[in-house]
Full PDB file with SEQRES, HELIX, SHEET, SSBOND, CRYST1, ORIGX, SCALE, CONECT and MASTER records, all heavy atoms in Angstrom:
SEQRES   1 A   38  ALA VAL ALA PRO ALA ALA GLY LEU PRO ALA VAL LYS LEU          
SEQRES   2 A   38  ASP ALA LYS GLY VAL PRO SER ILE THR ILE PRO LYS GLY          
SEQRES   3 A   38  TYR ALA LYS PRO THR ALA LEU VAL THR GLN THR LEU              
SHEET    1 AA1 2 ALA A  10  LEU A  13  0                                        
SHEET    2 AA1 2 PRO A  19  THR A  22 -1                                        
CRYST1    1.000    1.000    1.000  90.00  90.00  90.00 P 1           1          
ORIGX1      1.000000  0.000000  0.000000        0.00000                         
ORIGX2      0.000000  1.000000  0.000000        0.00000                         
ORIGX3      0.000000  0.000000  1.000000        0.00000                         
SCALE1      1.000000  0.000000  0.000000        0.00000                         
SCALE2      0.000000  1.000000  0.000000        0.00000                         
SCALE3      0.000000  0.000000  1.000000        0.00000                         
ATOM      1  N   ALA A   1       0.834  -1.201   0.000  1.00  0.00           N  
ATOM      2  CA  ALA A   1       0.000   0.000   0.000  1.00  0.00           C  
ATOM      3  C   ALA A   1       0.869   1.252   0.000  1.00  0.00           C  
ATOM      4  O   ALA A   1       1.915   1.304   0.651  1.00  0.00           O  
ATOM      5  CB  ALA A   1      -0.915   0.002   1.220  1.00  0.00           C  
ATOM      6  N   VAL A   2       0.428   2.246  -0.761  1.00  0.00           N  
ATOM      7  CA  VAL A   2       1.144   3.521  -0.863  1.00  0.00           C  
ATOM      8  C   VAL A   2       0.232   4.624  -0.342  1.00  0.00           C  
ATOM      9  O   VAL A   2      -0.922   4.733  -0.763  1.00  0.00           O  
ATOM     10  CB  VAL A   2       1.546   3.814  -2.318  1.00  0.00           C  
ATOM     11  CG1 VAL A   2       2.244   5.170  -2.411  1.00  0.00           C  
ATOM     12  CG2 VAL A   2       2.435   2.703  -2.877  1.00  0.00           C  
ATOM     13  N   ALA A   3       0.734   5.427   0.578  1.00  0.00           N  
ATOM     14  CA  ALA A   3      -0.063   6.528   1.109  1.00  0.00           C  
ATOM     15  C   ALA A   3      -0.229   7.604   0.040  1.00  0.00           C  
ATOM     16  O   ALA A   3       0.758   8.124  -0.484  1.00  0.00           O  
ATOM     17  CB  ALA A   3       0.609   7.121   2.341  1.00  0.00           C  
ATOM     18  N   PRO A   4      -1.464   7.948  -0.322  1.00  0.00           N  
ATOM     19  CA  PRO A   4      -1.656   8.949  -1.380  1.00  0.00           C  
ATOM     20  C   PRO A   4      -1.364  10.362  -0.893  1.00  0.00           C  
ATOM     21  O   PRO A   4      -1.386  10.645   0.304  1.00  0.00           O  
ATOM     22  CB  PRO A   4      -3.141   8.787  -1.727  1.00  0.00           C  
ATOM     23  CG  PRO A   4      -3.762   8.271  -0.472  1.00  0.00           C  
ATOM     24  CD  PRO A   4      -2.730   7.403   0.180  1.00  0.00           C  
ATOM     25  N   ALA A   5      -1.118  11.230  -1.848  1.00  0.00           N  
ATOM     26  CA  ALA A   5      -0.918  12.638  -1.531  1.00  0.00           C  
ATOM     27  C   ALA A   5      -2.203  13.226  -0.979  1.00  0.00           C  
ATOM     28  O   ALA A   5      -3.310  12.780  -1.289  1.00  0.00           O  
ATOM     29  CB  ALA A   5      -0.474  13.399  -2.778  1.00  0.00           C  
ATOM     30  N   ALA A   6      -2.067  14.229  -0.151  1.00  0.00           N  
ATOM     31  CA  ALA A   6      -3.233  14.881   0.452  1.00  0.00           C  
ATOM     32  C   ALA A   6      -4.062  15.592  -0.616  1.00  0.00           C  
ATOM     33  O   ALA A   6      -3.533  16.099  -1.608  1.00  0.00           O  
ATOM     34  CB  ALA A   6      -2.771  15.881   1.510  1.00  0.00           C  
ATOM     35  N   GLY A   7      -5.369  15.615  -0.384  1.00  0.00           N  
ATOM     36  CA  GLY A   7      -6.259  16.389  -1.240  1.00  0.00           C  
ATOM     37  C   GLY A   7      -6.809  15.662  -2.439  1.00  0.00           C  
ATOM     38  O   GLY A   7      -7.631  16.215  -3.184  1.00  0.00           O  
ATOM     39  N   LEU A   8      -6.393  14.410  -2.667  1.00  0.00           N  
ATOM     40  CA  LEU A   8      -6.886  13.653  -3.812  1.00  0.00           C  
ATOM     41  C   LEU A   8      -8.205  12.958  -3.466  1.00  0.00           C  
ATOM     42  O   LEU A   8      -8.536  12.778  -2.288  1.00  0.00           O  
ATOM     43  CB  LEU A   8      -5.864  12.596  -4.227  1.00  0.00           C  
ATOM     44  CG  LEU A   8      -4.547  13.096  -4.806  1.00  0.00           C  
ATOM     45  CD1 LEU A   8      -3.626  11.914  -5.098  1.00  0.00           C  
ATOM     46  CD2 LEU A   8      -4.785  13.919  -6.064  1.00  0.00           C  
ATOM     47  N   PRO A   9      -8.985  12.554  -4.478  1.00  0.00           N  
ATOM     48  CA  PRO A   9     -10.153  11.723  -4.199  1.00  0.00           C  
ATOM     49  C   PRO A   9      -9.736  10.503  -3.387  1.00  0.00           C  
ATOM     50  O   PRO A   9      -8.729   9.858  -3.693  1.00  0.00           O  
ATOM     51  CB  PRO A   9     -10.646  11.341  -5.604  1.00  0.00           C  
ATOM     52  CG  PRO A   9     -10.200  12.484  -6.472  1.00  0.00           C  
ATOM     53  CD  PRO A   9      -8.867  12.884  -5.923  1.00  0.00           C  
ATOM     54  N   ALA A  10     -10.509  10.187  -2.350  1.00  0.00           N  
ATOM     55  CA  ALA A  10     -10.177   9.066  -1.464  1.00  0.00           C  
ATOM     56  C   ALA A  10     -10.822   7.790  -1.996  1.00  0.00           C  
ATOM     57  O   ALA A  10     -11.997   7.781  -2.364  1.00  0.00           O  
ATOM     58  CB  ALA A  10     -10.679   9.351  -0.051  1.00  0.00           C  
ATOM     59  N   VAL A  11     -10.031   6.726  -2.036  1.00  0.00           N  
ATOM     60  CA  VAL A  11     -10.485   5.445  -2.586  1.00  0.00           C  
ATOM     61  C   VAL A  11     -10.701   4.453  -1.454  1.00  0.00           C  
ATOM     62  O   VAL A  11      -9.847   4.290  -0.578  1.00  0.00           O  
ATOM     63  CB  VAL A  11      -9.454   4.884  -3.580  1.00  0.00           C  
ATOM     64  CG1 VAL A  11      -9.896   3.522  -4.106  1.00  0.00           C  
ATOM     65  CG2 VAL A  11      -9.239   5.861  -4.734  1.00  0.00           C  
ATOM     66  N   LYS A  12     -11.852   3.786  -1.493  1.00  0.00           N  
ATOM     67  CA  LYS A  12     -12.164   2.743  -0.528  1.00  0.00           C  
ATOM     68  C   LYS A  12     -12.497   1.469  -1.281  1.00  0.00           C  
ATOM     69  O   LYS A  12     -13.200   1.512  -2.300  1.00  0.00           O  
ATOM     70  CB  LYS A  12     -13.348   3.160   0.351  1.00  0.00           C  
ATOM     71  CG  LYS A  12     -13.702   2.158   1.435  1.00  0.00           C  
ATOM     72  CD  LYS A  12     -14.858   2.659   2.300  1.00  0.00           C  
ATOM     73  CE  LYS A  12     -15.219   1.658   3.378  1.00  0.00           C  
ATOM     74  NZ  LYS A  12     -16.344   2.151   4.233  1.00  0.00           N  
ATOM     75  N   LEU A  13     -11.998   0.327  -0.814  1.00  0.00           N  
ATOM     76  CA  LEU A  13     -12.235  -0.957  -1.473  1.00  0.00           C  
ATOM     77  C   LEU A  13     -13.149  -1.818  -0.626  1.00  0.00           C  
ATOM     78  O   LEU A  13     -13.021  -1.854   0.603  1.00  0.00           O  
ATOM     79  CB  LEU A  13     -10.907  -1.699  -1.692  1.00  0.00           C  
ATOM     80  CG  LEU A  13      -9.799  -0.937  -2.422  1.00  0.00           C  
ATOM     81  CD1 LEU A  13      -8.551  -1.808  -2.531  1.00  0.00           C  
ATOM     82  CD2 LEU A  13     -10.255  -0.495  -3.811  1.00  0.00           C  
ATOM     83  N   ASP A  14     -14.065  -2.539  -1.293  1.00  0.00           N  
ATOM     84  CA  ASP A  14     -14.883  -3.487  -0.539  1.00  0.00           C  
ATOM     85  C   ASP A  14     -14.124  -4.811  -0.403  1.00  0.00           C  
ATOM     86  O   ASP A  14     -12.958  -4.917  -0.792  1.00  0.00           O  
ATOM     87  CB  ASP A  14     -16.264  -3.657  -1.167  1.00  0.00           C  
ATOM     88  CG  ASP A  14     -16.255  -4.402  -2.507  1.00  0.00           C  
ATOM     89  OD1 ASP A  14     -15.205  -4.978  -2.882  1.00  0.00           O  
ATOM     90  OD2 ASP A  14     -17.309  -4.428  -3.168  1.00  0.00           O  
ATOM     91  N   ALA A  15     -14.783  -5.823   0.134  1.00  0.00           N  
ATOM     92  CA  ALA A  15     -14.108  -7.092   0.410  1.00  0.00           C  
ATOM     93  C   ALA A  15     -13.567  -7.763  -0.844  1.00  0.00           C  
ATOM     94  O   ALA A  15     -12.587  -8.518  -0.783  1.00  0.00           O  
ATOM     95  CB  ALA A  15     -15.069  -8.037   1.130  1.00  0.00           C  
ATOM     96  N   LYS A  16     -14.178  -7.486  -1.992  1.00  0.00           N  
ATOM     97  CA  LYS A  16     -13.726  -8.095  -3.247  1.00  0.00           C  
ATOM     98  C   LYS A  16     -12.717  -7.223  -3.998  1.00  0.00           C  
ATOM     99  O   LYS A  16     -12.194  -7.631  -5.022  1.00  0.00           O  
ATOM    100  CB  LYS A  16     -14.929  -8.372  -4.149  1.00  0.00           C  
ATOM    101  CG  LYS A  16     -15.879  -9.426  -3.596  1.00  0.00           C  
ATOM    102  CD  LYS A  16     -17.006  -9.694  -4.583  1.00  0.00           C  
ATOM    103  CE  LYS A  16     -17.939 -10.773  -4.067  1.00  0.00           C  
ATOM    104  NZ  LYS A  16     -19.056 -11.049  -5.012  1.00  0.00           N  
ATOM    105  N   GLY A  17     -12.478  -6.034  -3.469  1.00  0.00           N  
ATOM    106  CA  GLY A  17     -11.546  -5.133  -4.128  1.00  0.00           C  
ATOM    107  C   GLY A  17     -12.196  -4.107  -5.025  1.00  0.00           C  
ATOM    108  O   GLY A  17     -11.509  -3.328  -5.686  1.00  0.00           O  
ATOM    109  N   VAL A  18     -13.523  -4.079  -5.057  1.00  0.00           N  
ATOM    110  CA  VAL A  18     -14.229  -3.108  -5.895  1.00  0.00           C  
ATOM    111  C   VAL A  18     -14.092  -1.722  -5.284  1.00  0.00           C  
ATOM    112  O   VAL A  18     -14.405  -1.524  -4.107  1.00  0.00           O  
ATOM    113  CB  VAL A  18     -15.711  -3.478  -6.036  1.00  0.00           C  
ATOM    114  CG1 VAL A  18     -16.431  -2.479  -6.931  1.00  0.00           C  
ATOM    115  CG2 VAL A  18     -15.865  -4.900  -6.582  1.00  0.00           C  
ATOM    116  N   PRO A  19     -13.633  -0.733  -6.061  1.00  0.00           N  
ATOM    117  CA  PRO A  19     -13.385   0.593  -5.485  1.00  0.00           C  
ATOM    118  C   PRO A  19     -14.614   1.493  -5.475  1.00  0.00           C  
ATOM    119  O   PRO A  19     -15.506   1.386  -6.312  1.00  0.00           O  
ATOM    120  CB  PRO A  19     -12.320   1.169  -6.433  1.00  0.00           C  
ATOM    121  CG  PRO A  19     -12.650   0.551  -7.757  1.00  0.00           C  
ATOM    122  CD  PRO A  19     -13.161  -0.830  -7.449  1.00  0.00           C  
ATOM    123  N   SER A  20     -14.632   2.378  -4.502  1.00  0.00           N  
ATOM    124  CA  SER A  20     -15.548   3.517  -4.490  1.00  0.00           C  
ATOM    125  C   SER A  20     -14.703   4.731  -4.127  1.00  0.00           C  
ATOM    126  O   SER A  20     -13.591   4.592  -3.607  1.00  0.00           O  
ATOM    127  CB  SER A  20     -16.682   3.322  -3.483  1.00  0.00           C  
ATOM    128  OG  SER A  20     -16.158   3.134  -2.171  1.00  0.00           O  
ATOM    129  N   ILE A  21     -15.201   5.918  -4.430  1.00  0.00           N  
ATOM    130  CA  ILE A  21     -14.398   7.113  -4.147  1.00  0.00           C  
ATOM    131  C   ILE A  21     -15.220   8.166  -3.422  1.00  0.00           C  
ATOM    132  O   ILE A  21     -16.455   8.197  -3.520  1.00  0.00           O  
ATOM    133  CB  ILE A  21     -13.798   7.736  -5.426  1.00  0.00           C  
ATOM    134  CG1 ILE A  21     -14.902   8.218  -6.376  1.00  0.00           C  
ATOM    135  CG2 ILE A  21     -12.858   6.775  -6.123  1.00  0.00           C  
ATOM    136  CD1 ILE A  21     -14.380   9.106  -7.491  1.00  0.00           C  
ATOM    137  N   THR A  22     -14.514   8.998  -2.697  1.00  0.00           N  
ATOM    138  CA  THR A  22     -15.083  10.202  -2.092  1.00  0.00           C  
ATOM    139  C   THR A  22     -14.282  11.382  -2.621  1.00  0.00           C  
ATOM    140  O   THR A  22     -13.057  11.444  -2.440  1.00  0.00           O  
ATOM    141  CB  THR A  22     -15.000  10.150  -0.559  1.00  0.00           C  
ATOM    142  OG1 THR A  22     -15.714   9.007  -0.075  1.00  0.00           O  
ATOM    143  CG2 THR A  22     -15.591  11.415   0.049  1.00  0.00           C  
ATOM    144  N   ILE A  23     -14.962  12.278  -3.296  1.00  0.00           N  
ATOM    145  CA  ILE A  23     -14.284  13.428  -3.891  1.00  0.00           C  
ATOM    146  C   ILE A  23     -14.336  14.586  -2.904  1.00  0.00           C  
ATOM    147  O   ILE A  23     -15.414  14.957  -2.420  1.00  0.00           O  
ATOM    148  CB  ILE A  23     -14.943  13.825  -5.219  1.00  0.00           C  
ATOM    149  CG1 ILE A  23     -14.895  12.636  -6.202  1.00  0.00           C  
ATOM    150  CG2 ILE A  23     -14.264  15.047  -5.830  1.00  0.00           C  
ATOM    151  CD1 ILE A  23     -15.680  12.862  -7.475  1.00  0.00           C  
ATOM    152  N   PRO A  24     -13.184  15.156  -2.553  1.00  0.00           N  
ATOM    153  CA  PRO A  24     -13.171  16.251  -1.577  1.00  0.00           C  
ATOM    154  C   PRO A  24     -14.042  17.426  -2.023  1.00  0.00           C  
ATOM    155  O   PRO A  24     -14.115  17.743  -3.214  1.00  0.00           O  
ATOM    156  CB  PRO A  24     -11.686  16.662  -1.524  1.00  0.00           C  
ATOM    157  CG  PRO A  24     -10.943  15.475  -2.034  1.00  0.00           C  
ATOM    158  CD  PRO A  24     -11.835  14.827  -3.043  1.00  0.00           C  
ATOM    159  N   LYS A  25     -14.726  18.043  -1.087  1.00  0.00           N  
ATOM    160  CA  LYS A  25     -15.542  19.208  -1.394  1.00  0.00           C  
ATOM    161  C   LYS A  25     -14.673  20.314  -1.970  1.00  0.00           C  
ATOM    162  O   LYS A  25     -13.607  20.624  -1.437  1.00  0.00           O  
ATOM    163  CB  LYS A  25     -16.259  19.685  -0.137  1.00  0.00           C  
ATOM    164  CG  LYS A  25     -17.260  20.811  -0.389  1.00  0.00           C  
ATOM    165  CD  LYS A  25     -17.999  21.179   0.886  1.00  0.00           C  
ATOM    166  CE  LYS A  25     -19.019  22.298   0.631  1.00  0.00           C  
ATOM    167  NZ  LYS A  25     -19.765  22.655   1.858  1.00  0.00           N  
ATOM    168  N   GLY A  26     -15.110  20.861  -3.084  1.00  0.00           N  
ATOM    169  CA  GLY A  26     -14.369  21.935  -3.712  1.00  0.00           C  
ATOM    170  C   GLY A  26     -13.136  21.474  -4.465  1.00  0.00           C  
ATOM    171  O   GLY A  26     -12.261  22.293  -4.781  1.00  0.00           O  
ATOM    172  N   TYR A  27     -13.047  20.182  -4.757  1.00  0.00           N  
ATOM    173  CA  TYR A  27     -11.874  19.648  -5.471  1.00  0.00           C  
ATOM    174  C   TYR A  27     -11.709  20.371  -6.799  1.00  0.00           C  
ATOM    175  O   TYR A  27     -12.630  20.422  -7.625  1.00  0.00           O  
ATOM    176  CB  TYR A  27     -12.034  18.156  -5.694  1.00  0.00           C  
ATOM    177  CG  TYR A  27     -10.856  17.508  -6.393  1.00  0.00           C  
ATOM    178  CD1 TYR A  27      -9.625  17.395  -5.758  1.00  0.00           C  
ATOM    179  CD2 TYR A  27     -10.977  17.013  -7.677  1.00  0.00           C  
ATOM    180  CE1 TYR A  27      -8.543  16.801  -6.386  1.00  0.00           C  
ATOM    181  CE2 TYR A  27      -9.905  16.414  -8.319  1.00  0.00           C  
ATOM    182  CZ  TYR A  27      -8.690  16.311  -7.670  1.00  0.00           C  
ATOM    183  OH  TYR A  27      -7.617  15.721  -8.299  1.00  0.00           O  
ATOM    184  N   ALA A  28     -10.551  20.956  -7.015  1.00  0.00           N  
ATOM    185  CA  ALA A  28     -10.289  21.742  -8.216  1.00  0.00           C  
ATOM    186  C   ALA A  28      -9.902  20.837  -9.377  1.00  0.00           C  
ATOM    187  O   ALA A  28      -9.121  19.895  -9.211  1.00  0.00           O  
ATOM    188  CB  ALA A  28      -9.170  22.746  -7.946  1.00  0.00           C  
ATOM    189  N   LYS A  29     -10.439  21.143 -10.539  1.00  0.00           N  
ATOM    190  CA  LYS A  29     -10.089  20.367 -11.724  1.00  0.00           C  
ATOM    191  C   LYS A  29      -8.606  20.549 -12.033  1.00  0.00           C  
ATOM    192  O   LYS A  29      -8.144  21.686 -12.198  1.00  0.00           O  
ATOM    193  CB  LYS A  29     -10.909  20.822 -12.930  1.00  0.00           C  
ATOM    194  CG  LYS A  29     -12.392  20.616 -12.813  1.00  0.00           C  
ATOM    195  CD  LYS A  29     -13.087  21.098 -14.073  1.00  0.00           C  
ATOM    196  CE  LYS A  29     -14.590  20.911 -13.983  1.00  0.00           C  
ATOM    197  NZ  LYS A  29     -15.270  21.391 -15.226  1.00  0.00           N  
ATOM    198  N   PRO A  30      -7.856  19.457 -12.126  1.00  0.00           N  
ATOM    199  CA  PRO A  30      -6.440  19.614 -12.483  1.00  0.00           C  
ATOM    200  C   PRO A  30      -6.293  19.925 -13.969  1.00  0.00           C  
ATOM    201  O   PRO A  30      -7.118  19.516 -14.785  1.00  0.00           O  
ATOM    202  CB  PRO A  30      -5.842  18.246 -12.151  1.00  0.00           C  
ATOM    203  CG  PRO A  30      -6.986  17.296 -12.327  1.00  0.00           C  
ATOM    204  CD  PRO A  30      -8.216  18.054 -11.889  1.00  0.00           C  
ATOM    205  N   THR A  31      -5.266  20.653 -14.309  1.00  0.00           N  
ATOM    206  CA  THR A  31      -4.990  20.953 -15.715  1.00  0.00           C  
ATOM    207  C   THR A  31      -4.012  19.959 -16.319  1.00  0.00           C  
ATOM    208  O   THR A  31      -3.854  19.895 -17.534  1.00  0.00           O  
ATOM    209  CB  THR A  31      -4.416  22.373 -15.862  1.00  0.00           C  
ATOM    210  OG1 THR A  31      -3.229  22.481 -15.052  1.00  0.00           O  
ATOM    211  CG2 THR A  31      -5.444  23.402 -15.395  1.00  0.00           C  
ATOM    212  N   ALA A  32      -3.361  19.178 -15.456  1.00  0.00           N  
ATOM    213  CA  ALA A  32      -2.423  18.146 -15.908  1.00  0.00           C  
ATOM    214  C   ALA A  32      -2.861  16.807 -15.313  1.00  0.00           C  
ATOM    215  O   ALA A  32      -3.618  16.752 -14.342  1.00  0.00           O  
ATOM    216  CB  ALA A  32      -0.998  18.481 -15.474  1.00  0.00           C  
ATOM    217  N   LEU A  33      -2.381  15.738 -15.897  1.00  0.00           N  
ATOM    218  CA  LEU A  33      -2.715  14.399 -15.415  1.00  0.00           C  
ATOM    219  C   LEU A  33      -2.226  14.207 -13.987  1.00  0.00           C  
ATOM    220  O   LEU A  33      -1.092  14.544 -13.651  1.00  0.00           O  
ATOM    221  CB  LEU A  33      -2.070  13.354 -16.326  1.00  0.00           C  
ATOM    222  CG  LEU A  33      -2.238  11.891 -15.900  1.00  0.00           C  
ATOM    223  CD1 LEU A  33      -3.683  11.454 -16.048  1.00  0.00           C  
ATOM    224  CD2 LEU A  33      -1.311  10.991 -16.737  1.00  0.00           C  
ATOM    225  N   VAL A  34      -3.100  13.641 -13.144  1.00  0.00           N  
ATOM    226  CA  VAL A  34      -2.713  13.248 -11.792  1.00  0.00           C  
ATOM    227  C   VAL A  34      -2.616  11.733 -11.760  1.00  0.00           C  
ATOM    228  O   VAL A  34      -3.582  11.036 -12.085  1.00  0.00           O  
ATOM    229  CB  VAL A  34      -3.741  13.728 -10.750  1.00  0.00           C  
ATOM    230  CG1 VAL A  34      -3.372  13.201  -9.365  1.00  0.00           C  
ATOM    231  CG2 VAL A  34      -3.818  15.252 -10.741  1.00  0.00           C  
ATOM    232  N   THR A  35      -1.447  11.218 -11.387  1.00  0.00           N  
ATOM    233  CA  THR A  35      -1.235   9.777 -11.281  1.00  0.00           C  
ATOM    234  C   THR A  35      -0.772   9.462  -9.869  1.00  0.00           C  
ATOM    235  O   THR A  35       0.249   9.986  -9.417  1.00  0.00           O  
ATOM    236  CB  THR A  35      -0.163   9.293 -12.283  1.00  0.00           C  
ATOM    237  OG1 THR A  35      -0.566   9.642 -13.609  1.00  0.00           O  
ATOM    238  CG2 THR A  35       0.021   7.780 -12.201  1.00  0.00           C  
ATOM    239  N   GLN A  36      -1.530   8.636  -9.168  1.00  0.00           N  
ATOM    240  CA  GLN A  36      -1.185   8.272  -7.802  1.00  0.00           C  
ATOM    241  C   GLN A  36      -1.237   6.749  -7.665  1.00  0.00           C  
ATOM    242  O   GLN A  36      -2.299   6.145  -7.805  1.00  0.00           O  
ATOM    243  CB  GLN A  36      -2.154   8.902  -6.805  1.00  0.00           C  
ATOM    244  CG  GLN A  36      -1.971   8.435  -5.370  1.00  0.00           C  
ATOM    245  CD  GLN A  36      -0.626   8.849  -4.787  1.00  0.00           C  
ATOM    246  OE1 GLN A  36      -0.345  10.035  -4.656  1.00  0.00           O  
ATOM    247  NE2 GLN A  36       0.205   7.873  -4.423  1.00  0.00           N  
ATOM    248  N   THR A  37      -0.104   6.128  -7.428  1.00  0.00           N  
ATOM    249  CA  THR A  37      -0.076   4.698  -7.144  1.00  0.00           C  
ATOM    250  C   THR A  37      -0.635   4.463  -5.748  1.00  0.00           C  
ATOM    251  O   THR A  37      -0.186   5.078  -4.781  1.00  0.00           O  
ATOM    252  CB  THR A  37       1.360   4.149  -7.235  1.00  0.00           C  
ATOM    253  OG1 THR A  37       1.884   4.409  -8.541  1.00  0.00           O  
ATOM    254  CG2 THR A  37       1.386   2.649  -6.981  1.00  0.00           C  
ATOM    255  N   LEU A  38      -1.626   3.586  -5.663  1.00  0.00           N  
ATOM    256  CA  LEU A  38      -2.253   3.267  -4.384  1.00  0.00           C  
ATOM    257  C   LEU A  38      -1.734   1.943  -3.823  1.00  0.00           C  
ATOM    258  O   LEU A  38      -1.630   1.770  -2.617  1.00  0.00           O  
ATOM    259  CB  LEU A  38      -3.767   3.203  -4.542  1.00  0.00           C  
ATOM    260  CG  LEU A  38      -4.442   4.493  -5.049  1.00  0.00           C  
ATOM    261  CD1 LEU A  38      -5.919   4.240  -5.284  1.00  0.00           C  
ATOM    262  CD2 LEU A  38      -4.227   5.629  -4.063  1.00  0.00           C  
TER     263      LEU A  38                                                      
MASTER        0    0    0    0    2    0    0    6  262    1    0    3          
END                                                                             
């Protein structure tokens, strides 16, 4: 597991590994690609 950078959409996995996300309130649209290894 890799700790993600602060401020990114938070990813939660269920028992089978299916992801869901929580997008921070006021999350600004990035102008460049964001890549975060989880």
